Amino acid sequence: MNPFSITLVALWAYPILSLIFFALTKNKPKTRQWVVKISIILTVLTTLALVFKLSTISIMVNWLLVSGFYLYLSLILWWSQFQPNKFLKIIGTLLMISTFGIGYLSGTLGILGVGFIVADFEADAEKKLSDDIIYRERSIGNAISDYRGTRVEIYKTVAWLPVFEYRITQKEYYNVITYPNEIKVNYEPNKHIIHLSAHIFSLKNGGREKWSDSIKLK
């Protein structure tokens, strides 16, 4: 599955799957409590990971974890409807209408917008520069945007758990437009410097011009 399909499945299916779960666990209150508690913990952990730019080295796993945030939220919202507290039910109902409403509108009428948003977070190119340094390149903007460019992100894997990575720096180059993998990347580990070079599209005359830059790793 690609990030776009993962996002659509989440928007369409997670609210329904959450309702099915509560229907199947009608006589299992302890199971419900444990699942809701785990959902709250995972929601907090996912939020912290996003705040601190921590992720796994697998793009698919990252998107599944992020989409899981909507699943946890769906479970918590449906849980509110099975509580004796009327105030909690009312708040939960209002949040469900707004959250699921926006979700289904985004997954149907707004599907094109979802595609653009997901594309902004997809890497156009990825290169492993060393055992622990990863280079990623993303496009800024799209065909209908007022601005275009390239965002370069540098990640480092966690030494004691290399399946996880965190972003150490990023740099945005507006009006630097290239095809994927067209930017040449040269990493000097001793100096902790990454050199970039390419022949980019010129917005002045539509031709090509030479471009280069260096990124000092923190």
N, C-alpha and C. Protein backbone atom coordinates (compact mmCIF):
# COMPACT_ATOMS: atom_id res chain seq x y z
N MET A 1 0.85 -1.20 0.00
CA MET A 1 0.00 0.00 0.00
C MET A 1 0.88 1.25 0.00
N ASN A 2 0.44 2.26 -0.72
CA ASN A 2 1.15 3.53 -0.72
C ASN A 2 0.51 4.49 0.27
N PRO A 3 1.17 5.60 0.61
CA PRO A 3 0.63 6.53 1.60
C PRO A 3 -0.77 7.04 1.27
N PHE A 4 -1.06 7.27 0.00
CA PHE A 4 -2.38 7.78 -0.38
C PHE A 4 -3.47 6.76 -0.08
N SER A 5 -3.26 5.49 -0.44
CA SER A 5 -4.27 4.46 -0.18
C SER A 5 -4.42 4.19 1.31
N ILE A 6 -3.32 4.25 2.06
CA ILE A 6 -3.39 4.08 3.52
C ILE A 6 -4.25 5.18 4.13
N THR A 7 -4.08 6.41 3.65
CA THR A 7 -4.86 7.54 4.17
C THR A 7 -6.33 7.38 3.86
N LEU A 8 -6.66 6.97 2.63
CA LEU A 8 -8.07 6.79 2.24
C LEU A 8 -8.74 5.68 3.04
N VAL A 9 -8.03 4.57 3.22
CA VAL A 9 -8.58 3.46 4.01
C VAL A 9 -8.87 3.93 5.43
N ALA A 10 -7.95 4.72 5.98
CA ALA A 10 -8.14 5.24 7.34
C ALA A 10 -9.39 6.11 7.42
N LEU A 11 -9.55 7.02 6.48
CA LEU A 11 -10.69 7.95 6.49
C LEU A 11 -12.01 7.22 6.32
N TRP A 12 -12.03 6.20 5.47
CA TRP A 12 -13.27 5.49 5.19
C TRP A 12 -13.59 4.41 6.22
N ALA A 13 -12.59 3.65 6.64
CA ALA A 13 -12.84 2.43 7.40
C ALA A 13 -12.71 2.54 8.91
N TYR A 14 -11.83 3.38 9.41
CA TYR A 14 -11.56 3.38 10.84
C TYR A 14 -12.79 3.70 11.71
N PRO A 15 -13.62 4.68 11.35
CA PRO A 15 -14.81 4.92 12.18
C PRO A 15 -15.74 3.70 12.22
N ILE A 16 -15.87 3.00 11.08
CA ILE A 16 -16.75 1.82 11.02
C ILE A 16 -16.14 0.67 11.81
N LEU A 17 -14.84 0.45 11.66
CA LEU A 17 -14.18 -0.63 12.40
C LEU A 17 -14.26 -0.40 13.90
N SER A 18 -14.19 0.86 14.31
CA SER A 18 -14.29 1.18 15.74
C SER A 18 -15.67 0.84 16.27
N LEU A 19 -16.72 1.16 15.49
CA LEU A 19 -18.08 0.83 15.90
C LEU A 19 -18.27 -0.69 15.97
N ILE A 20 -17.73 -1.42 15.00
CA ILE A 20 -17.83 -2.88 14.99
C ILE A 20 -17.16 -3.47 16.23
N PHE A 21 -16.01 -2.90 16.61
CA PHE A 21 -15.32 -3.38 17.80
C PHE A 21 -16.20 -3.26 19.03
N PHE A 22 -16.87 -2.11 19.21
CA PHE A 22 -17.71 -1.93 20.39
C PHE A 22 -18.95 -2.82 20.33
N ALA A 23 -19.43 -3.11 19.13
CA ALA A 23 -20.57 -4.01 18.98
C ALA A 23 -20.19 -5.44 19.37
N LEU A 24 -18.98 -5.85 19.01
CA LEU A 24 -18.53 -7.21 19.31
C LEU A 24 -18.11 -7.39 20.76
N THR A 25 -17.81 -6.29 21.45
CA THR A 25 -17.36 -6.38 22.84
C THR A 25 -18.43 -5.85 23.80
N LYS A 26 -19.68 -5.99 23.40
CA LYS A 26 -20.79 -5.47 24.22
C LYS A 26 -20.77 -6.05 25.63
N ASN A 27 -20.44 -7.33 25.74
CA ASN A 27 -20.44 -8.00 27.05
C ASN A 27 -19.01 -8.18 27.59
N LYS A 28 -18.09 -7.39 27.08
CA LYS A 28 -16.70 -7.49 27.52
C LYS A 28 -16.17 -6.10 27.91
N PRO A 29 -16.66 -5.55 28.99
CA PRO A 29 -16.26 -4.20 29.40
C PRO A 29 -14.77 -4.05 29.67
N LYS A 30 -14.15 -5.10 30.23
CA LYS A 30 -12.72 -5.02 30.53
C LYS A 30 -11.89 -4.92 29.25
N THR A 31 -12.31 -5.66 28.23
CA THR A 31 -11.62 -5.59 26.94
C THR A 31 -11.72 -4.19 26.36
N ARG A 32 -12.90 -3.61 26.45
CA ARG A 32 -13.10 -2.24 25.97
C ARG A 32 -12.18 -1.26 26.71
N GLN A 33 -12.16 -1.42 28.04
CA GLN A 33 -11.34 -0.50 28.84
C GLN A 33 -9.86 -0.59 28.47
N TRP A 34 -9.38 -1.82 28.29
CA TRP A 34 -7.97 -1.99 27.94
C TRP A 34 -7.65 -1.41 26.57
N VAL A 35 -8.53 -1.64 25.62
CA VAL A 35 -8.31 -1.12 24.26
C VAL A 35 -8.32 0.40 24.26
N VAL A 36 -9.25 1.00 24.98
CA VAL A 36 -9.33 2.46 25.05
C VAL A 36 -8.08 3.03 25.73
N LYS A 37 -7.64 2.38 26.82
CA LYS A 37 -6.43 2.85 27.52
C LYS A 37 -5.20 2.76 26.59
N ILE A 38 -5.10 1.64 25.90
CA ILE A 38 -3.98 1.48 24.96
C ILE A 38 -4.07 2.52 23.85
N SER A 39 -5.28 2.81 23.38
CA SER A 39 -5.47 3.80 22.32
C SER A 39 -5.03 5.19 22.78
N ILE A 40 -5.35 5.53 24.02
CA ILE A 40 -4.94 6.83 24.57
C ILE A 40 -3.42 6.91 24.66
N ILE A 41 -2.79 5.82 25.14
CA ILE A 41 -1.33 5.79 25.25
C ILE A 41 -0.68 5.92 23.88
N LEU A 42 -1.18 5.18 22.89
CA LEU A 42 -0.62 5.23 21.54
C LEU A 42 -0.84 6.59 20.89
N THR A 43 -1.97 7.22 21.20
CA THR A 43 -2.24 8.57 20.67
C THR A 43 -1.20 9.55 21.20
N VAL A 44 -0.93 9.46 22.50
CA VAL A 44 0.07 10.35 23.11
C VAL A 44 1.46 10.08 22.53
N LEU A 45 1.82 8.80 22.39
CA LEU A 45 3.14 8.44 21.86
C LEU A 45 3.30 8.89 20.41
N THR A 46 2.23 8.72 19.61
CA THR A 46 2.27 9.15 18.20
C THR A 46 2.42 10.66 18.10
N THR A 47 1.71 11.38 18.96
CA THR A 47 1.80 12.84 18.97
C THR A 47 3.21 13.29 19.35
N LEU A 48 3.78 12.67 20.37
CA LEU A 48 5.15 13.02 20.79
C LEU A 48 6.16 12.71 19.68
N ALA A 49 5.95 11.58 18.99
CA ALA A 49 6.87 11.22 17.90
C ALA A 49 6.81 12.26 16.79
N LEU A 50 5.61 12.76 16.48
CA LEU A 50 5.46 13.79 15.45
C LEU A 50 6.12 15.10 15.89
N VAL A 51 5.94 15.44 17.16
CA VAL A 51 6.52 16.69 17.68
C VAL A 51 8.03 16.66 17.64
N PHE A 52 8.62 15.51 18.01
CA PHE A 52 10.07 15.39 18.08
C PHE A 52 10.70 14.82 16.81
N LYS A 53 9.89 14.73 15.72
CA LYS A 53 10.38 14.29 14.41
C LYS A 53 10.99 12.89 14.46
N LEU A 54 10.41 12.03 15.26
CA LEU A 54 10.90 10.66 15.38
C LEU A 54 10.02 9.74 14.53
N SER A 55 10.64 8.84 13.78
CA SER A 55 9.90 7.93 12.92
C SER A 55 10.68 6.64 12.74
N THR A 56 10.10 5.70 12.01
CA THR A 56 10.82 4.48 11.67
C THR A 56 11.49 4.67 10.31
N ILE A 57 12.36 3.74 9.94
CA ILE A 57 13.04 3.85 8.65
C ILE A 57 12.15 3.37 7.50
N SER A 58 10.96 2.84 7.82
CA SER A 58 10.03 2.36 6.80
C SER A 58 8.94 3.40 6.56
N ILE A 59 8.82 3.86 5.33
CA ILE A 59 7.79 4.86 5.00
C ILE A 59 6.39 4.29 5.22
N MET A 60 6.17 3.03 4.83
CA MET A 60 4.84 2.43 4.98
C MET A 60 4.46 2.32 6.46
N VAL A 61 5.40 1.87 7.28
CA VAL A 61 5.13 1.76 8.72
C VAL A 61 4.82 3.13 9.32
N ASN A 62 5.54 4.15 8.88
CA ASN A 62 5.30 5.52 9.37
C ASN A 62 3.87 5.96 9.07
N TRP A 63 3.43 5.72 7.84
CA TRP A 63 2.08 6.14 7.47
C TRP A 63 1.01 5.32 8.19
N LEU A 64 1.28 4.04 8.43
CA LEU A 64 0.33 3.22 9.19
C LEU A 64 0.22 3.72 10.62
N LEU A 65 1.35 4.11 11.21
CA LEU A 65 1.33 4.63 12.58
C LEU A 65 0.60 5.97 12.66
N VAL A 66 0.83 6.83 11.68
CA VAL A 66 0.15 8.13 11.66
C VAL A 66 -1.35 7.94 11.43
N SER A 67 -1.72 7.04 10.50
CA SER A 67 -3.13 6.79 10.25
C SER A 67 -3.79 6.15 11.48
N GLY A 68 -2.96 5.40 12.26
CA GLY A 68 -3.48 4.80 13.48
C GLY A 68 -3.97 5.83 14.47
N PHE A 69 -3.44 7.03 14.39
CA PHE A 69 -3.90 8.12 15.25
C PHE A 69 -5.40 8.34 15.06
N TYR A 70 -5.88 8.24 13.80
CA TYR A 70 -7.31 8.41 13.51
C TYR A 70 -8.11 7.22 14.04
N LEU A 71 -7.50 6.03 14.03
CA LEU A 71 -8.16 4.86 14.58
C LEU A 71 -8.32 5.00 16.09
N TYR A 72 -7.26 5.43 16.77
CA TYR A 72 -7.34 5.61 18.22
C TYR A 72 -8.39 6.66 18.58
N LEU A 73 -8.41 7.74 17.79
CA LEU A 73 -9.39 8.80 18.03
C LEU A 73 -10.80 8.29 17.81
N SER A 74 -10.99 7.47 16.78
CA SER A 74 -12.31 6.90 16.50
C SER A 74 -12.78 6.01 17.64
N LEU A 75 -11.86 5.21 18.17
CA LEU A 75 -12.21 4.33 19.29
C LEU A 75 -12.61 5.15 20.51
N ILE A 76 -11.87 6.19 20.81
CA ILE A 76 -12.17 7.03 21.97
C ILE A 76 -13.52 7.72 21.81
N LEU A 77 -13.82 8.20 20.60
CA LEU A 77 -15.08 8.89 20.35
C LEU A 77 -16.26 7.94 20.47
N TRP A 78 -16.14 6.73 19.93
CA TRP A 78 -17.23 5.76 20.06
C TRP A 78 -17.38 5.31 21.51
N TRP A 79 -16.26 5.21 22.22
CA TRP A 79 -16.31 4.84 23.64
C TRP A 79 -17.16 5.81 24.42
N SER A 80 -17.10 7.09 24.07
CA SER A 80 -17.88 8.11 24.78
C SER A 80 -19.39 7.87 24.67
N GLN A 81 -19.81 7.19 23.61
CA GLN A 81 -21.24 6.95 23.41
C GLN A 81 -21.78 5.80 24.26
N PHE A 82 -20.90 5.06 24.88
CA PHE A 82 -21.31 3.94 25.72
C PHE A 82 -21.10 4.23 27.21
N GLN A 83 -20.98 5.51 27.53
CA GLN A 83 -20.78 5.92 28.92
C GLN A 83 -22.08 6.45 29.51
N PRO A 84 -22.30 6.26 30.81
CA PRO A 84 -23.54 6.74 31.45
C PRO A 84 -23.60 8.26 31.60
N ASN A 85 -22.47 8.91 31.56
CA ASN A 85 -22.41 10.36 31.72
C ASN A 85 -22.98 11.05 30.47
N LYS A 86 -24.11 11.76 30.62
CA LYS A 86 -24.77 12.39 29.47
C LYS A 86 -23.93 13.51 28.87
N PHE A 87 -23.25 14.26 29.75
CA PHE A 87 -22.42 15.36 29.25
C PHE A 87 -21.31 14.82 28.36
N LEU A 88 -20.69 13.70 28.77
CA LEU A 88 -19.63 13.08 27.98
C LEU A 88 -20.17 12.59 26.64
N LYS A 89 -21.40 12.06 26.67
CA LYS A 89 -22.02 11.60 25.43
C LYS A 89 -22.25 12.75 24.45
N ILE A 90 -22.73 13.87 25.00
CA ILE A 90 -23.02 15.03 24.14
C ILE A 90 -21.74 15.57 23.51
N ILE A 91 -20.70 15.73 24.34
CA ILE A 91 -19.41 16.21 23.82
C ILE A 91 -18.87 15.23 22.78
N GLY A 92 -18.98 13.93 23.09
CA GLY A 92 -18.50 12.91 22.15
C GLY A 92 -19.27 12.95 20.84
N THR A 93 -20.58 13.15 20.92
CA THR A 93 -21.41 13.22 19.71
C THR A 93 -21.02 14.40 18.83
N LEU A 94 -20.83 15.54 19.45
CA LEU A 94 -20.44 16.74 18.69
C LEU A 94 -19.08 16.54 18.02
N LEU A 95 -18.14 15.94 18.77
CA LEU A 95 -16.82 15.69 18.20
C LEU A 95 -16.87 14.65 17.09
N MET A 96 -17.75 13.65 17.24
CA MET A 96 -17.90 12.63 16.21
C MET A 96 -18.45 13.23 14.92
N ILE A 97 -19.44 14.07 15.05
CA ILE A 97 -20.05 14.68 13.86
C ILE A 97 -19.02 15.50 13.10
N SER A 98 -18.27 16.30 13.83
CA SER A 98 -17.27 17.15 13.17
C SER A 98 -16.10 16.34 12.64
N THR A 99 -15.57 15.41 13.47
CA THR A 99 -14.39 14.63 13.07
C THR A 99 -14.69 13.68 11.92
N PHE A 100 -15.74 12.86 12.07
CA PHE A 100 -16.07 11.90 11.02
C PHE A 100 -16.62 12.61 9.78
N GLY A 101 -17.32 13.72 10.01
CA GLY A 101 -17.85 14.48 8.87
C GLY A 101 -16.72 15.01 7.99
N ILE A 102 -15.74 15.62 8.64
CA ILE A 102 -14.58 16.14 7.90
C ILE A 102 -13.82 14.99 7.23
N GLY A 103 -13.71 13.86 7.95
CA GLY A 103 -12.99 12.70 7.41
C GLY A 103 -13.63 12.16 6.16
N TYR A 104 -14.97 11.97 6.17
CA TYR A 104 -15.65 11.41 5.00
C TYR A 104 -15.73 12.41 3.86
N LEU A 105 -15.87 13.68 4.17
CA LEU A 105 -15.82 14.69 3.11
C LEU A 105 -14.44 14.73 2.44
N SER A 106 -13.40 14.59 3.26
CA SER A 106 -12.04 14.59 2.73
C SER A 106 -11.78 13.36 1.86
N GLY A 107 -12.38 12.24 2.26
CA GLY A 107 -12.16 10.99 1.52
C GLY A 107 -13.04 10.83 0.30
N THR A 108 -13.96 11.77 0.07
CA THR A 108 -14.84 11.70 -1.10
C THR A 108 -14.72 12.96 -1.96
N LEU A 109 -15.42 14.01 -1.56
CA LEU A 109 -15.39 15.25 -2.34
C LEU A 109 -14.02 15.91 -2.33
N GLY A 110 -13.30 15.73 -1.22
CA GLY A 110 -12.00 16.37 -1.11
C GLY A 110 -10.82 15.45 -1.38
N ILE A 111 -11.09 14.38 -2.14
CA ILE A 111 -10.05 13.38 -2.36
C ILE A 111 -8.84 13.95 -3.10
N LEU A 112 -9.08 14.91 -3.99
CA LEU A 112 -7.97 15.54 -4.71
C LEU A 112 -7.07 16.32 -3.75
N GLY A 113 -7.71 17.03 -2.83
CA GLY A 113 -6.94 17.78 -1.83
C GLY A 113 -6.13 16.85 -0.94
N VAL A 114 -6.71 15.70 -0.58
CA VAL A 114 -5.99 14.71 0.23
C VAL A 114 -4.76 14.23 -0.53
N GLY A 115 -4.93 14.03 -1.85
CA GLY A 115 -3.80 13.59 -2.67
C GLY A 115 -2.67 14.60 -2.66
N PHE A 116 -3.02 15.90 -2.76
CA PHE A 116 -1.99 16.95 -2.75
C PHE A 116 -1.28 17.00 -1.40
N ILE A 117 -2.05 16.87 -0.31
CA ILE A 117 -1.47 16.94 1.03
C ILE A 117 -0.52 15.76 1.27
N VAL A 118 -0.97 14.56 0.90
CA VAL A 118 -0.13 13.37 1.08
C VAL A 118 1.14 13.49 0.25
N ALA A 119 1.00 14.00 -0.99
CA ALA A 119 2.16 14.14 -1.88
C ALA A 119 3.21 15.06 -1.28
N ASP A 120 2.77 16.07 -0.52
CA ASP A 120 3.72 17.00 0.11
C ASP A 120 4.62 16.32 1.13
N PHE A 121 4.14 15.19 1.68
CA PHE A 121 4.91 14.50 2.71
C PHE A 121 5.63 13.26 2.17
N GLU A 122 5.46 12.96 0.89
CA GLU A 122 6.14 11.82 0.29
C GLU A 122 7.51 12.23 -0.22
N ALA A 123 8.48 11.38 -0.03
CA ALA A 123 9.83 11.65 -0.51
C ALA A 123 9.93 11.33 -2.00
N ASP A 124 10.51 12.25 -2.77
CA ASP A 124 10.74 12.01 -4.20
C ASP A 124 12.01 11.21 -4.42
N ALA A 125 12.94 11.32 -3.50
CA ALA A 125 14.20 10.58 -3.61
C ALA A 125 14.74 10.31 -2.22
N GLU A 126 15.40 9.19 -2.07
CA GLU A 126 16.00 8.82 -0.78
C GLU A 126 17.34 8.15 -1.02
N LYS A 127 18.34 8.55 -0.26
CA LYS A 127 19.67 7.97 -0.39
C LYS A 127 20.27 7.74 0.99
N LYS A 128 20.86 6.58 1.17
CA LYS A 128 21.55 6.29 2.43
C LYS A 128 23.00 6.70 2.26
N LEU A 129 23.42 7.74 2.97
CA LEU A 129 24.76 8.29 2.81
C LEU A 129 25.81 7.58 3.65
N SER A 130 25.36 6.95 4.73
CA SER A 130 26.26 6.16 5.57
C SER A 130 25.41 5.19 6.36
N ASP A 131 26.01 4.51 7.31
CA ASP A 131 25.25 3.53 8.11
C ASP A 131 24.13 4.19 8.90
N ASP A 132 24.29 5.47 9.24
CA ASP A 132 23.29 6.12 10.09
C ASP A 132 22.75 7.44 9.54
N ILE A 133 23.19 7.87 8.36
CA ILE A 133 22.72 9.12 7.78
C ILE A 133 21.88 8.84 6.53
N ILE A 134 20.68 9.40 6.50
CA ILE A 134 19.76 9.20 5.38
C ILE A 134 19.36 10.56 4.80
N TYR A 135 19.44 10.65 3.49
CA TYR A 135 19.08 11.88 2.76
C TYR A 135 17.72 11.67 2.09
N ARG A 136 16.83 12.65 2.27
CA ARG A 136 15.52 12.60 1.59
C ARG A 136 15.25 13.94 0.90
N GLU A 137 14.60 13.82 -0.22
CA GLU A 137 14.34 14.99 -1.06
C GLU A 137 12.84 15.04 -1.37
N ARG A 138 12.21 16.18 -1.13
CA ARG A 138 10.78 16.33 -1.35
C ARG A 138 10.50 17.58 -2.19
N SER A 139 9.44 17.52 -2.97
CA SER A 139 9.04 18.68 -3.76
C SER A 139 8.23 19.63 -2.89
N ILE A 140 8.45 20.92 -3.08
CA ILE A 140 7.66 21.94 -2.39
C ILE A 140 6.65 22.48 -3.40
N GLY A 141 5.37 22.46 -3.02
CA GLY A 141 4.34 22.94 -3.93
C GLY A 141 3.97 21.89 -4.97
N ASN A 142 3.08 22.28 -5.88
CA ASN A 142 2.66 21.39 -6.96
C ASN A 142 2.35 22.22 -8.20
N ALA A 143 1.73 21.59 -9.18
CA ALA A 143 1.52 22.26 -10.47
C ALA A 143 0.66 23.51 -10.38
N ILE A 144 -0.21 23.58 -9.35
CA ILE A 144 -1.10 24.74 -9.25
C ILE A 144 -0.68 25.70 -8.13
N SER A 145 0.47 25.44 -7.51
CA SER A 145 0.95 26.30 -6.42
C SER A 145 1.59 27.57 -6.97
N ASP A 146 1.59 28.62 -6.14
CA ASP A 146 2.24 29.87 -6.51
C ASP A 146 3.75 29.79 -6.33
N TYR A 147 4.21 28.74 -5.63
CA TYR A 147 5.64 28.59 -5.37
C TYR A 147 6.02 27.14 -5.63
N ARG A 148 7.26 26.94 -6.04
CA ARG A 148 7.78 25.59 -6.28
C ARG A 148 9.19 25.52 -5.73
N GLY A 149 9.62 24.34 -5.43
CA GLY A 149 10.98 24.20 -4.94
C GLY A 149 11.28 22.79 -4.47
N THR A 150 12.33 22.66 -3.70
CA THR A 150 12.77 21.36 -3.20
C THR A 150 13.14 21.48 -1.73
N ARG A 151 12.69 20.52 -0.94
CA ARG A 151 13.05 20.46 0.47
C ARG A 151 13.99 19.27 0.68
N VAL A 152 15.11 19.51 1.30
CA VAL A 152 16.08 18.46 1.61
C VAL A 152 16.04 18.20 3.12
N GLU A 153 15.90 16.94 3.49
CA GLU A 153 15.85 16.55 4.90
C GLU A 153 16.92 15.50 5.17
N ILE A 154 17.60 15.65 6.29
CA ILE A 154 18.64 14.71 6.68
C ILE A 154 18.22 14.02 7.99
N TYR A 155 18.22 12.70 7.96
CA TYR A 155 17.82 11.92 9.12
C TYR A 155 19.00 11.09 9.63
N LYS A 156 18.93 10.78 10.92
CA LYS A 156 19.94 9.92 11.53
C LYS A 156 19.25 8.81 12.31
N THR A 157 19.71 7.59 12.13
CA THR A 157 19.10 6.47 12.84
C THR A 157 19.56 6.46 14.30
N VAL A 158 18.71 5.92 15.15
CA VAL A 158 19.03 5.81 16.58
C VAL A 158 20.08 4.71 16.75
N ALA A 159 21.19 5.04 17.38
CA ALA A 159 22.33 4.11 17.48
C ALA A 159 21.95 2.77 18.12
N TRP A 160 21.21 2.79 19.21
CA TRP A 160 20.90 1.56 19.93
C TRP A 160 19.63 0.88 19.43
N LEU A 161 18.92 1.54 18.47
CA LEU A 161 17.72 0.94 17.89
C LEU A 161 17.57 1.47 16.45
N PRO A 162 18.36 0.94 15.51
CA PRO A 162 18.45 1.51 14.17
C PRO A 162 17.19 1.43 13.31
N VAL A 163 16.12 0.82 13.81
CA VAL A 163 14.86 0.83 13.04
C VAL A 163 14.15 2.17 13.19
N PHE A 164 14.63 3.00 14.13
CA PHE A 164 14.06 4.33 14.33
C PHE A 164 15.05 5.39 13.85
N GLU A 165 14.51 6.52 13.44
CA GLU A 165 15.33 7.63 12.96
C GLU A 165 14.73 8.95 13.44
N TYR A 166 15.55 10.00 13.40
CA TYR A 166 15.05 11.33 13.75
C TYR A 166 15.70 12.34 12.81
N ARG A 167 14.98 13.40 12.53
CA ARG A 167 15.47 14.41 11.59
C ARG A 167 16.46 15.33 12.30
N ILE A 168 17.64 15.49 11.74
CA ILE A 168 18.64 16.35 12.36
C ILE A 168 18.69 17.74 11.72
N THR A 169 18.27 17.83 10.47
CA THR A 169 18.23 19.15 9.83
C THR A 169 17.41 19.09 8.55
N GLN A 170 16.96 20.23 8.09
CA GLN A 170 16.28 20.32 6.80
C GLN A 170 16.56 21.69 6.19
N LYS A 171 16.45 21.77 4.88
CA LYS A 171 16.69 23.02 4.19
C LYS A 171 15.75 23.10 3.00
N GLU A 172 15.16 24.27 2.81
CA GLU A 172 14.23 24.46 1.71
C GLU A 172 14.83 25.38 0.66
N TYR A 173 14.70 24.96 -0.59
CA TYR A 173 15.23 25.73 -1.72
C TYR A 173 14.07 26.09 -2.65
N TYR A 174 13.61 27.32 -2.53
CA TYR A 174 12.52 27.75 -3.39
C TYR A 174 13.07 28.09 -4.78
N ASN A 175 12.31 27.72 -5.79
CA ASN A 175 12.68 27.91 -7.20
C ASN A 175 13.79 26.96 -7.65
N VAL A 176 14.15 25.99 -6.81
CA VAL A 176 15.07 24.93 -7.22
C VAL A 176 14.23 23.72 -7.60
N ILE A 177 14.04 23.52 -8.90
CA ILE A 177 13.14 22.48 -9.40
C ILE A 177 13.95 21.48 -10.22
N THR A 178 13.89 20.22 -9.82
CA THR A 178 14.62 19.16 -10.52
C THR A 178 13.75 17.91 -10.60
N TYR A 179 14.19 16.96 -11.39
CA TYR A 179 13.55 15.65 -11.41
C TYR A 179 14.09 14.84 -10.23
N PRO A 180 13.34 13.81 -9.76
CA PRO A 180 13.83 12.97 -8.66
C PRO A 180 15.19 12.35 -8.99
N ASN A 181 16.06 12.31 -8.00
CA ASN A 181 17.41 11.74 -8.10
C ASN A 181 18.34 12.54 -9.03
N GLU A 182 17.93 13.73 -9.42
CA GLU A 182 18.77 14.54 -10.31
C GLU A 182 19.81 15.33 -9.51
N ILE A 183 19.55 15.59 -8.25
CA ILE A 183 20.52 16.30 -7.42
C ILE A 183 21.62 15.33 -7.00
N LYS A 184 22.85 15.69 -7.30
CA LYS A 184 24.00 14.87 -6.90
C LYS A 184 24.34 15.18 -5.45
N VAL A 185 24.52 14.12 -4.68
CA VAL A 185 24.76 14.25 -3.24
C VAL A 185 26.12 13.66 -2.90
N ASN A 186 26.96 14.45 -2.27
CA ASN A 186 28.29 13.99 -1.86
C ASN A 186 28.48 14.27 -0.37
N TYR A 187 28.66 13.21 0.41
CA TYR A 187 28.77 13.34 1.86
C TYR A 187 30.22 13.17 2.30
N GLU A 188 30.70 14.14 3.07
CA GLU A 188 32.04 14.07 3.66
C GLU A 188 31.88 13.83 5.16
N PRO A 189 31.95 12.56 5.59
CA PRO A 189 31.71 12.24 7.02
C PRO A 189 32.71 12.87 7.97
N ASN A 190 33.95 13.02 7.53
CA ASN A 190 34.96 13.61 8.42
C ASN A 190 34.68 15.08 8.73
N LYS A 191 34.10 15.78 7.76
CA LYS A 191 33.78 17.20 7.94
C LYS A 191 32.32 17.42 8.31
N HIS A 192 31.53 16.34 8.26
CA HIS A 192 30.08 16.42 8.56
C HIS A 192 29.39 17.43 7.63
N ILE A 193 29.72 17.34 6.36
CA ILE A 193 29.15 18.25 5.36
C ILE A 193 28.58 17.44 4.20
N ILE A 194 27.42 17.87 3.71
CA ILE A 194 26.81 17.27 2.52
C ILE A 194 26.81 18.31 1.42
N HIS A 195 27.39 17.96 0.28
CA HIS A 195 27.44 18.86 -0.87
C HIS A 195 26.35 18.46 -1.87
N LEU A 196 25.60 19.43 -2.33
CA LEU A 196 24.54 19.20 -3.32
C LEU A 196 24.85 19.96 -4.60
N SER A 197 24.54 19.36 -5.73
CA SER A 197 24.74 20.05 -7.00
C SER A 197 23.77 19.49 -8.04
N ALA A 198 23.36 20.34 -8.97
CA ALA A 198 22.43 19.92 -10.02
C ALA A 198 22.33 21.00 -11.08
N HIS A 199 21.74 20.61 -12.21
CA HIS A 199 21.37 21.59 -13.23
C HIS A 199 19.85 21.75 -13.13
N ILE A 200 19.43 22.88 -12.58
CA ILE A 200 18.01 23.08 -12.28
C ILE A 200 17.31 23.84 -13.40
N PHE A 201 15.98 23.77 -13.37
CA PHE A 201 15.18 24.52 -14.34
C PHE A 201 15.24 26.00 -14.00
N SER A 202 15.49 26.81 -14.97
CA SER A 202 15.53 28.26 -14.76
C SER A 202 14.14 28.84 -14.97
N LEU A 203 13.65 29.60 -13.99
CA LEU A 203 12.35 30.24 -14.12
C LEU A 203 12.41 31.50 -14.97
N LYS A 204 13.63 31.92 -15.30
CA LYS A 204 13.80 33.13 -16.11
C LYS A 204 13.60 32.86 -17.59
N ASN A 205 14.29 31.84 -18.10
CA ASN A 205 14.21 31.57 -19.54
C ASN A 205 13.76 30.15 -19.87
N GLY A 206 13.43 29.34 -18.84
CA GLY A 206 12.96 27.99 -19.07
C GLY A 206 14.07 27.00 -19.39
N GLY A 207 15.33 27.46 -19.37
CA GLY A 207 16.45 26.58 -19.65
C GLY A 207 17.00 25.93 -18.40
N ARG A 208 18.30 25.64 -18.42
CA ARG A 208 18.95 25.01 -17.29
C ARG A 208 20.08 25.90 -16.78
N GLU A 209 20.28 25.85 -15.47
CA GLU A 209 21.39 26.60 -14.89
C GLU A 209 22.03 25.77 -13.78
N LYS A 210 23.30 25.97 -13.55
CA LYS A 210 24.01 25.20 -12.55
C LYS A 210 23.69 25.72 -11.15
N TRP A 211 23.52 24.78 -10.23
CA TRP A 211 23.18 25.14 -8.84
C TRP A 211 23.94 24.22 -7.89
N SER A 212 24.33 24.76 -6.76
CA SER A 212 25.01 23.94 -5.74
C SER A 212 24.82 24.56 -4.36
N ASP A 213 24.98 23.74 -3.35
CA ASP A 213 24.88 24.21 -1.97
C ASP A 213 25.51 23.16 -1.06
N SER A 214 25.75 23.53 0.19
CA SER A 214 26.32 22.62 1.17
C SER A 214 25.50 22.69 2.46
N ILE A 215 25.37 21.55 3.10
CA ILE A 215 24.63 21.47 4.36
C ILE A 215 25.57 20.98 5.44
N LYS A 216 25.73 21.77 6.47
CA LYS A 216 26.55 21.38 7.62
C LYS A 216 25.68 20.65 8.61
N LEU A 217 26.02 19.42 8.91
CA LEU A 217 25.24 18.63 9.85
C LEU A 217 25.50 19.10 11.27
N LYS A 218 24.46 19.16 12.05
CA LYS A 218 24.57 19.63 13.42
C LYS A 218 25.08 18.52 14.33
